[in-house]
Structures are given as C-alpha cells and as structure tokens.
C-alpha cells in the first residue's frame, strides 16, 4: 500500500502553519513516527517512509500486510 499525507514535521509546516496541509482536502497531518505507529497498530508492516520528492510538505509511506 502507498500512503501520501501532509508531513507535520516538515519545514514547510513551520513556515506556513495555516495552509501547509492543503485544507479542506486533507484534515490531518502526520510525522514519520505517528504515521508508522498508526499503520503498525492497524496491522501493517512499514517498508519505507520518504519525504520531499514532489512536495516538501508530504510524506510517502509504503506498507504491506504481513502474511
């Protein structure tokens, strides 16, 4: 699975705190740690988390269900 979310730990979130996450389309942002915990608690194995390839305020996460 591939997940793309606003990165609340990004420099962009600090410089533009009101609009960095693209409201009203995205209501929540995550940091690397919180995104990883959320997916692991849902039973996923996080393969990789990357940031800043297309837009510096985003995280891309690649995960899979074990088994």
C-alpha atoms as a PDB file:
ATOM      1  CA  UNK A   1       0.000   0.000   0.000  1.00  0.00           C
ATOM      2  CA  UNK A   2       1.153   3.531  -0.688  1.00  0.00           C
ATOM      3  CA  UNK A   3       0.046   6.412   1.534  1.00  0.00           C
ATOM      4  CA  UNK A   4       0.661  10.119   0.952  1.00  0.00           C
ATOM      5  CA  UNK A   5      -0.022  12.523   3.838  1.00  0.00           C
ATOM      6  CA  UNK A   6       0.958  16.044   4.890  1.00  0.00           C
ATOM      7  CA  UNK A   7       4.185  15.970   6.920  1.00  0.00           C
ATOM      8  CA  UNK A   8       3.575  17.881  10.162  1.00  0.00           C
ATOM      9  CA  UNK A   9       7.315  17.700  10.926  1.00  0.00           C
ATOM     10  CA  UNK A  10       8.342  19.432   7.685  1.00  0.00           C
ATOM     11  CA  UNK A  11       9.973  22.840   7.460  1.00  0.00           C
ATOM     12  CA  UNK A  12       7.035  23.959   5.349  1.00  0.00           C
ATOM     13  CA  UNK A  13       4.629  23.261   8.228  1.00  0.00           C
ATOM     14  CA  UNK A  14       6.692  25.566  10.458  1.00  0.00           C
ATOM     15  CA  UNK A  15       6.906  28.398   7.904  1.00  0.00           C
ATOM     16  CA  UNK A  16       3.249  28.303   6.833  1.00  0.00           C
ATOM     17  CA  UNK A  17       1.296  26.646   9.684  1.00  0.00           C
ATOM     18  CA  UNK A  18      -2.176  27.617   8.440  1.00  0.00           C
ATOM     19  CA  UNK A  19      -2.061  26.234   4.888  1.00  0.00           C
ATOM     20  CA  UNK A  20       0.759  23.712   4.519  1.00  0.00           C
ATOM     21  CA  UNK A  21      -1.581  20.697   4.610  1.00  0.00           C
ATOM     22  CA  UNK A  22      -3.918  21.809   1.759  1.00  0.00           C
ATOM     23  CA  UNK A  23      -7.217  22.405   3.588  1.00  0.00           C
ATOM     24  CA  UNK A  24     -10.027  21.386   3.211  1.00  0.00           C
ATOM     25  CA  UNK A  25      -8.893  18.314   1.261  1.00  0.00           C
ATOM     26  CA  UNK A  26      -6.558  16.965   3.929  1.00  0.00           C
ATOM     27  CA  UNK A  27      -7.655  17.283   7.515  1.00  0.00           C
ATOM     28  CA  UNK A  28      -4.764  15.605   9.324  1.00  0.00           C
ATOM     29  CA  UNK A  29      -1.003  15.603   9.032  1.00  0.00           C
ATOM     30  CA  UNK A  30       1.439  13.079  10.416  1.00  0.00           C
ATOM     31  CA  UNK A  31       5.110  12.935  11.272  1.00  0.00           C
ATOM     32  CA  UNK A  32       7.204   9.857  10.495  1.00  0.00           C
ATOM     33  CA  UNK A  33       6.755   8.422  13.993  1.00  0.00           C
ATOM     34  CA  UNK A  34       2.989   8.923  14.229  1.00  0.00           C
ATOM     35  CA  UNK A  35       2.347   7.579  10.724  1.00  0.00           C
ATOM     36  CA  UNK A  36       4.445   4.491  11.422  1.00  0.00           C
ATOM     37  CA  UNK A  37       2.657   3.843  14.737  1.00  0.00           C
ATOM     38  CA  UNK A  38      -0.769   4.311  13.154  1.00  0.00           C
ATOM     39  CA  UNK A  39      -0.061   1.787  10.390  1.00  0.00           C
ATOM     40  CA  UNK A  40       1.596  -0.732  12.712  1.00  0.00           C
ATOM     41  CA  UNK A  41      -1.357  -0.527  15.108  1.00  0.00           C
ATOM     42  CA  UNK A  42      -3.607  -1.297  12.124  1.00  0.00           C
ATOM     43  CA  UNK A  43      -1.570  -4.453  11.389  1.00  0.00           C
ATOM     44  CA  UNK A  44       0.679  -3.172   8.603  1.00  0.00           C
ATOM     45  CA  UNK A  45       4.419  -3.589   8.260  1.00  0.00           C
ATOM     46  CA  UNK A  46       6.022  -0.293   7.227  1.00  0.00           C
ATOM     47  CA  UNK A  47       8.524  -0.915   4.431  1.00  0.00           C
ATOM     48  CA  UNK A  48       9.719   2.646   3.800  1.00  0.00           C
ATOM     49  CA  UNK A  49       8.852   6.254   4.583  1.00  0.00           C
ATOM     50  CA  UNK A  50      10.145   9.028   2.323  1.00  0.00           C
ATOM     51  CA  UNK A  51       9.668  12.767   2.220  1.00  0.00           C
ATOM     52  CA  UNK A  52      10.026  15.696  -0.117  1.00  0.00           C
ATOM     53  CA  UNK A  53      10.178  14.090  -3.576  1.00  0.00           C
ATOM     54  CA  UNK A  54       7.356  16.025  -5.207  1.00  0.00           C
ATOM     55  CA  UNK A  55       6.367  18.454  -2.499  1.00  0.00           C
ATOM     56  CA  UNK A  56       8.439  19.149   0.600  1.00  0.00           C
ATOM     57  CA  UNK A  57       5.422  19.099   2.926  1.00  0.00           C
ATOM     58  CA  UNK A  58       4.447  15.478   2.209  1.00  0.00           C
ATOM     59  CA  UNK A  59       5.346  12.009   3.435  1.00  0.00           C
ATOM     60  CA  UNK A  60       5.126   8.907   1.254  1.00  0.00           C
ATOM     61  CA  UNK A  61       4.774   5.646   3.132  1.00  0.00           C
ATOM     62  CA  UNK A  62       4.957   2.162   1.675  1.00  0.00           C
ATOM     63  CA  UNK A  63       3.483  -0.611   3.813  1.00  0.00           C
ATOM     64  CA  UNK A  64       2.163  -4.151   3.478  1.00  0.00           C
ATOM     65  CA  UNK A  65       0.041  -6.563   5.440  1.00  0.00           C
ATOM     66  CA  UNK A  66       2.172  -9.452   6.751  1.00  0.00           C
ATOM     67  CA  UNK A  67       1.227 -12.965   5.804  1.00  0.00           C
END
